[in-house]
């Protein structure tokens, strides 16, 4: 099976990533989002810090995308049925998604400001 070519999407590059190479190869098991300190801890060892405030201001359906992935791109087991949700994402892939979502948030807020200028 051929890997699909990933589109070259913009990434936000001012995040601070604290991790060793082996931790980046692990699969995401647990994600903790700290809005106050604007950081994400992955598997208890990897930190993504300096997430800009605008990443939490941008909302899609009343929910910041960065918060959504922190809750739903994590392995979970439904308590009653035992069904396991496993997105099977490596830590390095999760960090790439975070970088892209922060860039997306920045672009969305820029568009919103321009639209507010027309209609505000």
PDB file of N, CA and C in Angstrom:
ATOM      1  N   UNK A   1       0.845  -1.173   0.000  1.00  0.00           N
ATOM      2  CA  UNK A   1       0.000   0.000   0.000  1.00  0.00           C
ATOM      3  C   UNK A   1       0.896   1.243   0.000  1.00  0.00           C
ATOM      4  N   UNK A   2       0.571   2.200  -0.855  1.00  0.00           N
ATOM      5  CA  UNK A   2       1.335   3.449  -0.939  1.00  0.00           C
ATOM      6  C   UNK A   2       0.874   4.428   0.120  1.00  0.00           C
ATOM      7  N   UNK A   3       1.837   5.120   0.695  1.00  0.00           N
ATOM      8  CA  UNK A   3       1.482   6.193   1.622  1.00  0.00           C
ATOM      9  C   UNK A   3       0.935   7.357   0.819  1.00  0.00           C
ATOM     10  N   UNK A   4      -0.105   7.955   1.346  1.00  0.00           N
ATOM     11  CA  UNK A   4      -0.657   9.132   0.695  1.00  0.00           C
ATOM     12  C   UNK A   4       0.309  10.291   0.906  1.00  0.00           C
ATOM     13  N   UNK A   5       0.462  11.091  -0.118  1.00  0.00           N
ATOM     14  CA  UNK A   5       1.327  12.259   0.016  1.00  0.00           C
ATOM     15  C   UNK A   5       0.616  13.292   0.872  1.00  0.00           C
ATOM     16  N   UNK A   6       1.303  13.748   1.889  1.00  0.00           N
ATOM     17  CA  UNK A   6       0.706  14.721   2.804  1.00  0.00           C
ATOM     18  C   UNK A   6       0.845  16.116   2.198  1.00  0.00           C
ATOM     19  N   UNK A   7      -0.212  16.912   2.275  1.00  0.00           N
ATOM     20  CA  UNK A   7      -0.122  18.269   1.757  1.00  0.00           C
ATOM     21  C   UNK A   7       0.837  19.096   2.609  1.00  0.00           C
ATOM     22  N   UNK A   8       1.492  20.027   1.982  1.00  0.00           N
ATOM     23  CA  UNK A   8       2.438  20.893   2.672  1.00  0.00           C
ATOM     24  C   UNK A   8       1.667  22.060   3.289  1.00  0.00           C
ATOM     25  N   UNK A   9       1.226  21.885   4.518  1.00  0.00           N
ATOM     26  CA  UNK A   9       0.442  22.897   5.215  1.00  0.00           C
ATOM     27  C   UNK A   9       1.352  23.768   6.068  1.00  0.00           C
ATOM     28  N   UNK A  10       0.959  25.026   6.279  1.00  0.00           N
ATOM     29  CA  UNK A  10       1.777  25.895   7.128  1.00  0.00           C
ATOM     30  C   UNK A  10       1.822  25.380   8.563  1.00  0.00           C
ATOM     31  N   UNK A  11       2.964  25.615   9.205  1.00  0.00           N
ATOM     32  CA  UNK A  11       3.139  25.221  10.596  1.00  0.00           C
ATOM     33  C   UNK A  11       3.588  26.416  11.412  1.00  0.00           C
ATOM     34  N   UNK A  12       3.129  26.481  12.636  1.00  0.00           N
ATOM     35  CA  UNK A  12       3.569  27.501  13.579  1.00  0.00           C
ATOM     36  C   UNK A  12       4.886  27.023  14.178  1.00  0.00           C
ATOM     37  N   UNK A  13       5.915  27.844  14.106  1.00  0.00           N
ATOM     38  CA  UNK A  13       7.250  27.377  14.477  1.00  0.00           C
ATOM     39  C   UNK A  13       7.775  27.907  15.808  1.00  0.00           C
ATOM     40  N   UNK A  14       6.986  28.698  16.529  1.00  0.00           N
ATOM     41  CA  UNK A  14       7.490  29.293  17.772  1.00  0.00           C
ATOM     42  C   UNK A  14       7.122  28.498  19.022  1.00  0.00           C
ATOM     43  N   UNK A  15       6.818  27.222  18.858  1.00  0.00           N
ATOM     44  CA  UNK A  15       6.537  26.372  20.009  1.00  0.00           C
ATOM     45  C   UNK A  15       7.855  25.820  20.552  1.00  0.00           C
ATOM     46  N   UNK A  16       7.871  25.530  21.837  1.00  0.00           N
ATOM     47  CA  UNK A  16       9.031  24.896  22.448  1.00  0.00           C
ATOM     48  C   UNK A  16       8.680  23.442  22.697  1.00  0.00           C
ATOM     49  N   UNK A  17       9.452  22.527  22.112  1.00  0.00           N
ATOM     50  CA  UNK A  17       9.217  21.099  22.250  1.00  0.00           C
ATOM     51  C   UNK A  17      10.335  20.524  23.125  1.00  0.00           C
ATOM     52  N   UNK A  18       9.940  19.863  24.215  1.00  0.00           N
ATOM     53  CA  UNK A  18      10.905  19.224  25.096  1.00  0.00           C
ATOM     54  C   UNK A  18      10.647  17.722  25.053  1.00  0.00           C
ATOM     55  N   UNK A  19      11.595  16.984  24.444  1.00  0.00           N
ATOM     56  CA  UNK A  19      11.426  15.539  24.313  1.00  0.00           C
ATOM     57  C   UNK A  19      12.741  14.912  23.874  1.00  0.00           C
ATOM     58  N   UNK A  20      12.898  13.629  24.171  1.00  0.00           N
ATOM     59  CA  UNK A  20      14.031  12.924  23.584  1.00  0.00           C
ATOM     60  C   UNK A  20      13.544  12.191  22.336  1.00  0.00           C
ATOM     61  N   UNK A  21      14.476  11.787  21.500  1.00  0.00           N
ATOM     62  CA  UNK A  21      14.122  11.178  20.209  1.00  0.00           C
ATOM     63  C   UNK A  21      13.245   9.934  20.368  1.00  0.00           C
ATOM     64  N   UNK A  22      13.522   9.112  21.362  1.00  0.00           N
ATOM     65  CA  UNK A  22      12.736   7.889  21.554  1.00  0.00           C
ATOM     66  C   UNK A  22      11.292   8.198  21.918  1.00  0.00           C
ATOM     67  N   UNK A  23      11.088   9.237  22.732  1.00  0.00           N
ATOM     68  CA  UNK A  23       9.717   9.597  23.141  1.00  0.00           C
ATOM     69  C   UNK A  23       8.890  10.055  21.949  1.00  0.00           C
ATOM     70  N   UNK A  24       9.525  10.656  20.956  1.00  0.00           N
ATOM     71  CA  UNK A  24       8.808  11.127  19.772  1.00  0.00           C
ATOM     72  C   UNK A  24       8.307   9.965  18.911  1.00  0.00           C
ATOM     73  N   UNK A  25       8.926   8.809  19.052  1.00  0.00           N
ATOM     74  CA  UNK A  25       8.534   7.627  18.270  1.00  0.00           C
ATOM     75  C   UNK A  25       7.415   6.830  18.937  1.00  0.00           C
ATOM     76  N   UNK A  26       7.139   7.117  20.208  1.00  0.00           N
ATOM     77  CA  UNK A  26       6.084   6.409  20.938  1.00  0.00           C
ATOM     78  C   UNK A  26       4.713   6.805  20.403  1.00  0.00           C
ATOM     79  N   UNK A  27       3.733   5.959  20.690  1.00  0.00           N
ATOM     80  CA  UNK A  27       2.353   6.281  20.338  1.00  0.00           C
ATOM     81  C   UNK A  27       1.726   7.101  21.460  1.00  0.00           C
ATOM     82  N   UNK A  28       0.807   7.986  21.091  1.00  0.00           N
ATOM     83  CA  UNK A  28       0.126   8.840  22.065  1.00  0.00           C
ATOM     84  C   UNK A  28      -0.798   7.973  22.917  1.00  0.00           C
ATOM     85  N   UNK A  29      -0.580   8.011  24.210  1.00  0.00           N
ATOM     86  CA  UNK A  29      -1.403   7.277  25.170  1.00  0.00           C
ATOM     87  C   UNK A  29      -2.190   8.234  26.059  1.00  0.00           C
ATOM     88  N   UNK A  30      -1.568   9.357  26.402  1.00  0.00           N
ATOM     89  CA  UNK A  30      -2.188  10.297  27.330  1.00  0.00           C
ATOM     90  C   UNK A  30      -1.770  11.717  26.949  1.00  0.00           C
ATOM     91  N   UNK A  31      -2.739  12.621  26.962  1.00  0.00           N
ATOM     92  CA  UNK A  31      -2.467  14.032  26.651  1.00  0.00           C
ATOM     93  C   UNK A  31      -3.109  14.892  27.728  1.00  0.00           C
ATOM     94  N   UNK A  32      -2.328  15.814  28.237  1.00  0.00           N
ATOM     95  CA  UNK A  32      -2.847  16.750  29.236  1.00  0.00           C
ATOM     96  C   UNK A  32      -2.642  18.166  28.699  1.00  0.00           C
ATOM     97  N   UNK A  33      -3.740  18.892  28.545  1.00  0.00           N
ATOM     98  CA  UNK A  33      -3.706  20.274  28.079  1.00  0.00           C
ATOM     99  C   UNK A  33      -3.839  21.198  29.279  1.00  0.00           C
ATOM    100  N   UNK A  34      -2.896  22.109  29.417  1.00  0.00           N
ATOM    101  CA  UNK A  34      -2.927  23.097  30.490  1.00  0.00           C
ATOM    102  C   UNK A  34      -3.115  24.468  29.835  1.00  0.00           C
ATOM    103  N   UNK A  35      -4.355  24.956  29.833  1.00  0.00           N
ATOM    104  CA  UNK A  35      -4.659  26.237  29.185  1.00  0.00           C
ATOM    105  C   UNK A  35      -3.983  27.398  29.899  1.00  0.00           C
ATOM    106  N   UNK A  36      -3.915  27.324  31.223  1.00  0.00           N
ATOM    107  CA  UNK A  36      -3.343  28.413  32.008  1.00  0.00           C
ATOM    108  C   UNK A  36      -1.866  28.625  31.652  1.00  0.00           C
ATOM    109  N   UNK A  37      -1.108  27.538  31.610  1.00  0.00           N
ATOM    110  CA  UNK A  37       0.317  27.635  31.270  1.00  0.00           C
ATOM    111  C   UNK A  37       0.559  27.520  29.770  1.00  0.00           C
ATOM    112  N   UNK A  38      -0.522  27.303  29.016  1.00  0.00           N
ATOM    113  CA  UNK A  38      -0.467  27.199  27.556  1.00  0.00           C
ATOM    114  C   UNK A  38       0.549  26.146  27.102  1.00  0.00           C
ATOM    115  N   UNK A  39       0.335  24.918  27.617  1.00  0.00           N
ATOM    116  CA  UNK A  39       1.215  23.829  27.233  1.00  0.00           C
ATOM    117  C   UNK A  39       0.461  22.499  27.190  1.00  0.00           C
ATOM    118  N   UNK A  40       1.030  21.565  26.450  1.00  0.00           N
ATOM    119  CA  UNK A  40       0.486  20.222  26.329  1.00  0.00           C
ATOM    120  C   UNK A  40       1.572  19.249  26.779  1.00  0.00           C
ATOM    121  N   UNK A  41       1.188  18.300  27.622  1.00  0.00           N
ATOM    122  CA  UNK A  41       2.098  17.231  28.030  1.00  0.00           C
ATOM    123  C   UNK A  41       1.582  15.934  27.420  1.00  0.00           C
ATOM    124  N   UNK A  42       2.460  15.244  26.704  1.00  0.00           N
ATOM    125  CA  UNK A  42       2.086  14.013  26.013  1.00  0.00           C
ATOM    126  C   UNK A  42       2.813  12.847  26.685  1.00  0.00           C
ATOM    127  N   UNK A  43       2.041  11.844  27.070  1.00  0.00           N
ATOM    128  CA  UNK A  43       2.572  10.641  27.714  1.00  0.00           C
ATOM    129  C   UNK A  43       3.395  10.943  28.960  1.00  0.00           C
ATOM    130  N   UNK A  44       3.187  12.098  29.557  1.00  0.00           N
ATOM    131  CA  UNK A  44       3.877  12.449  30.788  1.00  0.00           C
ATOM    132  C   UNK A  44       5.322  12.876  30.619  1.00  0.00           C
ATOM    133  N   UNK A  45       5.876  12.767  29.404  1.00  0.00           N
ATOM    134  CA  UNK A  45       7.300  13.080  29.215  1.00  0.00           C
ATOM    135  C   UNK A  45       7.578  14.163  28.178  1.00  0.00           C
ATOM    136  N   UNK A  46       6.715  14.309  27.202  1.00  0.00           N
ATOM    137  CA  UNK A  46       6.935  15.264  26.114  1.00  0.00           C
ATOM    138  C   UNK A  46       6.122  16.523  26.389  1.00  0.00           C
ATOM    139  N   UNK A  47       6.754  17.677  26.259  1.00  0.00           N
ATOM    140  CA  UNK A  47       6.061  18.944  26.492  1.00  0.00           C
ATOM    141  C   UNK A  47       6.087  19.803  25.231  1.00  0.00           C
ATOM    142  N   UNK A  48       4.925  20.375  24.933  1.00  0.00           N
ATOM    143  CA  UNK A  48       4.789  21.377  23.878  1.00  0.00           C
ATOM    144  C   UNK A  48       4.400  22.648  24.615  1.00  0.00           C
ATOM    145  N   UNK A  49       5.306  23.635  24.617  1.00  0.00           N
ATOM    146  CA  UNK A  49       5.103  24.849  25.401  1.00  0.00           C
ATOM    147  C   UNK A  49       5.041  26.073  24.508  1.00  0.00           C
ATOM    148  N   UNK A  50       4.663  27.179  25.121  1.00  0.00           N
ATOM    149  CA  UNK A  50       4.533  28.476  24.439  1.00  0.00           C
ATOM    150  C   UNK A  50       3.445  28.466  23.376  1.00  0.00           C
ATOM    151  N   UNK A  51       2.363  27.750  23.652  1.00  0.00           N
ATOM    152  CA  UNK A  51       1.221  27.775  22.739  1.00  0.00           C
ATOM    153  C   UNK A  51       0.603  29.164  22.863  1.00  0.00           C
ATOM    154  N   UNK A  52       0.477  29.892  21.764  1.00  0.00           N
ATOM    155  CA  UNK A  52      -0.052  31.258  21.849  1.00  0.00           C
ATOM    156  C   UNK A  52      -1.517  31.287  22.268  1.00  0.00           C
ATOM    157  N   UNK A  53      -1.891  32.364  22.904  1.00  0.00           N
ATOM    158  CA  UNK A  53      -3.256  32.538  23.402  1.00  0.00           C
ATOM    159  C   UNK A  53      -4.286  32.429  22.275  1.00  0.00           C
ATOM    160  N   UNK A  54      -3.929  32.905  21.082  1.00  0.00           N
ATOM    161  CA  UNK A  54      -4.897  32.881  19.982  1.00  0.00           C
ATOM    162  C   UNK A  54      -5.283  31.459  19.581  1.00  0.00           C
ATOM    163  N   UNK A  55      -4.475  30.464  19.922  1.00  0.00           N
ATOM    164  CA  UNK A  55      -4.819  29.076  19.604  1.00  0.00           C
ATOM    165  C   UNK A  55      -6.024  28.607  20.413  1.00  0.00           C
ATOM    166  N   UNK A  56      -6.296  29.299  21.526  1.00  0.00           N
ATOM    167  CA  UNK A  56      -7.462  28.963  22.341  1.00  0.00           C
ATOM    168  C   UNK A  56      -8.648  29.870  22.020  1.00  0.00           C
ATOM    169  N   UNK A  57      -8.385  31.014  21.378  1.00  0.00           N
ATOM    170  CA  UNK A  57      -9.448  31.952  21.010  1.00  0.00           C
ATOM    171  C   UNK A  57     -10.187  31.507  19.760  1.00  0.00           C
ATOM    172  N   UNK A  58      -9.465  30.893  18.842  1.00  0.00           N
ATOM    173  CA  UNK A  58     -10.079  30.401  17.611  1.00  0.00           C
ATOM    174  C   UNK A  58     -10.920  29.180  17.940  1.00  0.00           C
ATOM    175  N   UNK A  59     -12.174  29.211  17.534  1.00  0.00           N
ATOM    176  CA  UNK A  59     -13.072  28.089  17.832  1.00  0.00           C
ATOM    177  C   UNK A  59     -13.782  27.632  16.569  1.00  0.00           C
ATOM    178  N   UNK A  60     -13.924  26.340  16.469  1.00  0.00           N
ATOM    179  CA  UNK A  60     -14.704  25.735  15.395  1.00  0.00           C
ATOM    180  C   UNK A  60     -15.834  25.002  16.101  1.00  0.00           C
ATOM    181  N   UNK A  61     -17.054  25.472  15.898  1.00  0.00           N
ATOM    182  CA  UNK A  61     -18.187  24.885  16.602  1.00  0.00           C
ATOM    183  C   UNK A  61     -18.090  25.072  18.106  1.00  0.00           C
ATOM    184  N   UNK A  62     -17.696  26.269  18.533  1.00  0.00           N
ATOM    185  CA  UNK A  62     -17.553  26.618  19.951  1.00  0.00           C
ATOM    186  C   UNK A  62     -16.483  25.809  20.680  1.00  0.00           C
ATOM    187  N   UNK A  63     -15.519  25.274  19.967  1.00  0.00           N
ATOM    188  CA  UNK A  63     -14.497  24.435  20.577  1.00  0.00           C
ATOM    189  C   UNK A  63     -13.153  24.727  19.917  1.00  0.00           C
ATOM    190  N   UNK A  64     -12.114  25.080  20.673  1.00  0.00           N
ATOM    191  CA  UNK A  64     -10.797  25.280  20.056  1.00  0.00           C
ATOM    192  C   UNK A  64     -10.255  23.952  19.510  1.00  0.00           C
ATOM    193  N   UNK A  65      -9.826  23.907  18.255  1.00  0.00           N
ATOM    194  CA  UNK A  65      -9.307  22.657  17.689  1.00  0.00           C
ATOM    195  C   UNK A  65      -8.172  22.049  18.515  1.00  0.00           C
ATOM    196  N   UNK A  66      -7.343  22.884  19.095  1.00  0.00           N
ATOM    197  CA  UNK A  66      -6.224  22.374  19.892  1.00  0.00           C
ATOM    198  C   UNK A  66      -6.725  21.619  21.120  1.00  0.00           C
ATOM    199  N   UNK A  67      -7.842  22.060  21.662  1.00  0.00           N
ATOM    200  CA  UNK A  67      -8.435  21.365  22.801  1.00  0.00           C
ATOM    201  C   UNK A  67      -9.085  20.052  22.345  1.00  0.00           C
ATOM    202  N   UNK A  68      -9.717  20.098  21.179  1.00  0.00           N
ATOM    203  CA  UNK A  68     -10.381  18.914  20.652  1.00  0.00           C
ATOM    204  C   UNK A  68      -9.390  17.774  20.462  1.00  0.00           C
ATOM    205  N   UNK A  69      -8.252  18.046  19.812  1.00  0.00           N
ATOM    206  CA  UNK A  69      -7.296  16.955  19.561  1.00  0.00           C
ATOM    207  C   UNK A  69      -6.703  16.429  20.859  1.00  0.00           C
ATOM    208  N   UNK A  70      -6.591  17.303  21.859  1.00  0.00           N
ATOM    209  CA  UNK A  70      -6.035  16.870  23.148  1.00  0.00           C
ATOM    210  C   UNK A  70      -6.958  15.884  23.849  1.00  0.00           C
ATOM    211  N   UNK A  71      -8.243  15.933  23.531  1.00  0.00           N
ATOM    212  CA  UNK A  71      -9.198  15.013  24.146  1.00  0.00           C
ATOM    213  C   UNK A  71      -9.470  13.782  23.291  1.00  0.00           C
ATOM    214  N   UNK A  72      -9.507  13.953  21.983  1.00  0.00           N
ATOM    215  CA  UNK A  72     -10.023  12.886  21.132  1.00  0.00           C
ATOM    216  C   UNK A  72      -8.987  12.152  20.291  1.00  0.00           C
ATOM    217  N   UNK A  73      -7.760  12.636  20.210  1.00  0.00           N
ATOM    218  CA  UNK A  73      -6.735  11.888  19.490  1.00  0.00           C
ATOM    219  C   UNK A  73      -5.877  11.097  20.472  1.00  0.00           C
ATOM    220  N   UNK A  74      -6.549  10.522  21.453  1.00  0.00           N
ATOM    221  CA  UNK A  74      -5.907   9.767  22.526  1.00  0.00           C
ATOM    222  C   UNK A  74      -6.599   8.410  22.641  1.00  0.00           C
ATOM    223  N   UNK A  75      -5.814   7.383  22.898  1.00  0.00           N
ATOM    224  CA  UNK A  75      -6.370   6.049  23.077  1.00  0.00           C
ATOM    225  C   UNK A  75      -7.306   6.037  24.282  1.00  0.00           C
ATOM    226  N   UNK A  76      -8.531   5.511  24.076  1.00  0.00           N
ATOM    227  CA  UNK A  76      -9.532   5.467  25.141  1.00  0.00           C
ATOM    228  C   UNK A  76     -10.305   4.164  25.058  1.00  0.00           C
ATOM    229  N   UNK A  77     -10.780   3.710  26.214  1.00  0.00           N
ATOM    230  CA  UNK A  77     -11.635   2.529  26.253  1.00  0.00           C
ATOM    231  C   UNK A  77     -12.980   2.919  26.847  1.00  0.00           C
ATOM    232  N   UNK A  78     -14.058   2.564  26.138  1.00  0.00           N
ATOM    233  CA  UNK A  78     -15.404   2.822  26.638  1.00  0.00           C
ATOM    234  C   UNK A  78     -15.657   1.868  27.793  1.00  0.00           C
ATOM    235  N   UNK A  79     -15.993   2.422  28.948  1.00  0.00           N
ATOM    236  CA  UNK A  79     -16.105   1.619  30.170  1.00  0.00           C
ATOM    237  C   UNK A  79     -17.170   0.523  30.087  1.00  0.00           C
ATOM    238  N   UNK A  80     -18.319   0.829  29.512  1.00  0.00           N
ATOM    239  CA  UNK A  80     -19.412  -0.151  29.491  1.00  0.00           C
ATOM    240  C   UNK A  80     -19.224  -1.233  28.434  1.00  0.00           C
ATOM    241  N   UNK A  81     -18.752  -0.845  27.256  1.00  0.00           N
ATOM    242  CA  UNK A  81     -18.667  -1.817  26.164  1.00  0.00           C
ATOM    243  C   UNK A  81     -17.288  -2.443  26.008  1.00  0.00           C
ATOM    244  N   UNK A  82     -16.278  -1.765  26.525  1.00  0.00           N
ATOM    245  CA  UNK A  82     -14.912  -2.256  26.353  1.00  0.00           C
ATOM    246  C   UNK A  82     -14.340  -1.949  24.981  1.00  0.00           C
ATOM    247  N   UNK A  83     -15.091  -1.193  24.172  1.00  0.00           N
ATOM    248  CA  UNK A  83     -14.610  -0.822  22.843  1.00  0.00           C
ATOM    249  C   UNK A  83     -13.470   0.184  23.001  1.00  0.00           C
ATOM    250  N   UNK A  84     -12.387  -0.054  22.263  1.00  0.00           N
ATOM    251  CA  UNK A  84     -11.205   0.809  22.363  1.00  0.00           C
ATOM    252  C   UNK A  84     -11.136   1.714  21.136  1.00  0.00           C
ATOM    253  N   UNK A  85     -11.010   2.995  21.405  1.00  0.00           N
ATOM    254  CA  UNK A  85     -10.759   3.997  20.364  1.00  0.00           C
ATOM    255  C   UNK A  85      -9.261   4.225  20.373  1.00  0.00           C
ATOM    256  N   UNK A  86      -8.594   3.885  19.286  1.00  0.00           N
ATOM    257  CA  UNK A  86      -7.143   4.048  19.205  1.00  0.00           C
ATOM    258  C   UNK A  86      -6.779   4.728  17.890  1.00  0.00           C
ATOM    259  N   UNK A  87      -6.538   6.046  17.936  1.00  0.00           N
ATOM    260  CA  UNK A  87      -6.178   6.764  16.717  1.00  0.00           C
ATOM    261  C   UNK A  87      -4.813   6.348  16.165  1.00  0.00           C
ATOM    262  N   UNK A  88      -4.005   5.647  16.987  1.00  0.00           N
ATOM    263  CA  UNK A  88      -2.727   5.109  16.517  1.00  0.00           C
ATOM    264  C   UNK A  88      -1.811   6.206  15.963  1.00  0.00           C
ATOM    265  N   UNK A  89      -1.628   7.259  16.742  1.00  0.00           N
ATOM    266  CA  UNK A  89      -0.823   8.404  16.316  1.00  0.00           C
ATOM    267  C   UNK A  89       0.455   8.451  17.141  1.00  0.00           C
ATOM    268  N   UNK A  90       1.566   8.637  16.469  1.00  0.00           N
ATOM    269  CA  UNK A  90       2.844   8.782  17.167  1.00  0.00           C
ATOM    270  C   UNK A  90       2.942  10.200  17.731  1.00  0.00           C
ATOM    271  N   UNK A  91       3.755  10.341  18.753  1.00  0.00           N
ATOM    272  CA  UNK A  91       3.931  11.644  19.407  1.00  0.00           C
ATOM    273  C   UNK A  91       4.407  12.685  18.395  1.00  0.00           C
ATOM    274  N   UNK A  92       5.338  12.335  17.539  1.00  0.00           N
ATOM    275  CA  UNK A  92       5.839  13.294  16.539  1.00  0.00           C
ATOM    276  C   UNK A  92       4.724  13.748  15.604  1.00  0.00           C
ATOM    277  N   UNK A  93       3.811  12.837  15.235  1.00  0.00           N
ATOM    278  CA  UNK A  93       2.676  13.201  14.383  1.00  0.00           C
ATOM    279  C   UNK A  93       1.714  14.124  15.129  1.00  0.00           C
ATOM    280  N   UNK A  94       1.485  13.851  16.406  1.00  0.00           N
ATOM    281  CA  UNK A  94       0.612  14.696  17.221  1.00  0.00           C
ATOM    282  C   UNK A  94       1.181  16.112  17.286  1.00  0.00           C
ATOM    283  N   UNK A  95       2.484  16.234  17.485  1.00  0.00           N
ATOM    284  CA  UNK A  95       3.128  17.555  17.549  1.00  0.00           C
ATOM    285  C   UNK A  95       2.984  18.277  16.215  1.00  0.00           C
ATOM    286  N   UNK A  96       3.128  17.557  15.103  1.00  0.00           N
ATOM    287  CA  UNK A  96       2.926  18.171  13.780  1.00  0.00           C
ATOM    288  C   UNK A  96       1.504  18.712  13.637  1.00  0.00           C
ATOM    289  N   UNK A  97       0.525  17.954  14.140  1.00  0.00           N
ATOM    290  CA  UNK A  97      -0.868  18.408  14.091  1.00  0.00           C
ATOM    291  C   UNK A  97      -1.043  19.667  14.932  1.00  0.00           C
ATOM    292  N   UNK A  98      -0.422  19.702  16.112  1.00  0.00           N
ATOM    293  CA  UNK A  98      -0.500  20.892  16.972  1.00  0.00           C
ATOM    294  C   UNK A  98       0.063  22.110  16.229  1.00  0.00           C
ATOM    295  N   UNK A  99       1.220  21.958  15.594  1.00  0.00           N
ATOM    296  CA  UNK A  99       1.842  23.073  14.857  1.00  0.00           C
ATOM    297  C   UNK A  99       0.922  23.583  13.749  1.00  0.00           C
ATOM    298  N   UNK A 100       0.281  22.661  13.053  1.00  0.00           N
ATOM    299  CA  UNK A 100      -0.615  23.045  11.958  1.00  0.00           C
ATOM    300  C   UNK A 100      -1.889  23.706  12.483  1.00  0.00           C
ATOM    301  N   UNK A 101      -2.417  23.210  13.602  1.00  0.00           N
ATOM    302  CA  UNK A 101      -3.627  23.808  14.161  1.00  0.00           C
ATOM    303  C   UNK A 101      -3.372  25.200  14.735  1.00  0.00           C
ATOM    304  N   UNK A 102      -2.198  25.427  15.285  1.00  0.00           N
ATOM    305  CA  UNK A 102      -1.876  26.766  15.771  1.00  0.00           C
ATOM    306  C   UNK A 102      -1.777  27.726  14.581  1.00  0.00           C
ATOM    307  N   UNK A 103      -1.147  27.285  13.496  1.00  0.00           N
ATOM    308  CA  UNK A 103      -1.072  28.118  12.282  1.00  0.00           C
ATOM    309  C   UNK A 103      -2.473  28.364  11.722  1.00  0.00           C
ATOM    310  N   UNK A 104      -3.315  27.338  11.706  1.00  0.00           N
ATOM    311  CA  UNK A 104      -4.700  27.460  11.257  1.00  0.00           C
ATOM    312  C   UNK A 104      -5.444  28.493  12.098  1.00  0.00           C
ATOM    313  N   UNK A 105      -5.275  28.423  13.416  1.00  0.00           N
ATOM    314  CA  UNK A 105      -5.943  29.361  14.320  1.00  0.00           C
ATOM    315  C   UNK A 105      -5.511  30.791  14.027  1.00  0.00           C
ATOM    316  N   UNK A 106      -4.233  30.967  13.781  1.00  0.00           N
ATOM    317  CA  UNK A 106      -3.702  32.299  13.481  1.00  0.00           C
ATOM    318  C   UNK A 106      -4.306  32.840  12.180  1.00  0.00           C
ATOM    319  N   UNK A 107      -4.387  31.985  11.169  1.00  0.00           N
ATOM    320  CA  UNK A 107      -4.969  32.416   9.893  1.00  0.00           C
ATOM    321  C   UNK A 107      -6.451  32.733  10.040  1.00  0.00           C
ATOM    322  N   UNK A 108      -7.177  31.894  10.778  1.00  0.00           N
ATOM    323  CA  UNK A 108      -8.616  32.117  10.972  1.00  0.00           C
ATOM    324  C   UNK A 108      -8.890  33.434  11.679  1.00  0.00           C
ATOM    325  N   UNK A 109      -8.126  33.718  12.703  1.00  0.00           N
ATOM    326  CA  UNK A 109      -8.337  34.973  13.427  1.00  0.00           C
ATOM    327  C   UNK A 109      -7.986  36.179  12.563  1.00  0.00           C
ATOM    328  N   UNK A 110      -6.984  36.026  11.701  1.00  0.00           N
ATOM    329  CA  UNK A 110      -6.652  37.100  10.760  1.00  0.00           C
ATOM    330  C   UNK A 110      -7.786  37.366   9.792  1.00  0.00           C
ATOM    331  N   UNK A 111      -8.399  36.308   9.283  1.00  0.00           N
ATOM    332  CA  UNK A 111      -9.547  36.445   8.381  1.00  0.00           C
ATOM    333  C   UNK A 111     -10.718  37.089   9.117  1.00  0.00           C
ATOM    334  N   UNK A 112     -10.948  36.661  10.354  1.00  0.00           N
ATOM    335  CA  UNK A 112     -12.034  37.224  11.151  1.00  0.00           C
ATOM    336  C   UNK A 112     -11.836  38.727  11.368  1.00  0.00           C
ATOM    337  N   UNK A 113     -10.601  39.141  11.644  1.00  0.00           N
ATOM    338  CA  UNK A 113     -10.323  40.567  11.831  1.00  0.00           C
ATOM    339  C   UNK A 113     -10.612  41.357  10.563  1.00  0.00           C
ATOM    340  N   UNK A 114     -10.218  40.797   9.405  1.00  0.00           N
ATOM    341  CA  UNK A 114     -10.490  41.488   8.144  1.00  0.00           C
ATOM    342  C   UNK A 114     -11.993  41.585   7.883  1.00  0.00           C
ATOM    343  N   UNK A 115     -12.720  40.506   8.167  1.00  0.00           N
ATOM    344  CA  UNK A 115     -14.173  40.529   7.970  1.00  0.00           C
ATOM    345  C   UNK A 115     -14.838  41.516   8.935  1.00  0.00           C
ATOM    346  N   UNK A 116     -14.347  41.568  10.186  1.00  0.00           N
ATOM    347  CA  UNK A 116     -14.887  42.528  11.142  1.00  0.00           C
ATOM    348  C   UNK A 116     -14.667  43.955  10.641  1.00  0.00           C
ATOM    349  N   UNK A 117     -13.577  44.180   9.923  1.00  0.00           N
ATOM    350  CA  UNK A 117     -13.301  45.506   9.348  1.00  0.00           C
ATOM    351  C   UNK A 117     -14.333  45.889   8.289  1.00  0.00           C
ATOM    352  N   UNK A 118     -14.828  44.918   7.558  1.00  0.00           N
ATOM    353  CA  UNK A 118     -15.834  45.168   6.532  1.00  0.00           C
ATOM    354  C   UNK A 118     -17.225  45.363   7.140  1.00  0.00           C
ATOM    355  N   UNK A 119     -17.534  44.520   8.132  1.00  0.00           N
ATOM    356  CA  UNK A 119     -18.899  44.479   8.642  1.00  0.00           C
ATOM    357  C   UNK A 119     -19.032  45.000  10.071  1.00  0.00           C
ATOM    358  N   UNK A 120     -17.913  45.385  10.702  1.00  0.00           N
ATOM    359  CA  UNK A 120     -17.948  45.784  12.105  1.00  0.00           C
ATOM    360  C   UNK A 120     -18.309  47.170  12.330  1.00  0.00           C
TER     361      UNK A 120
END
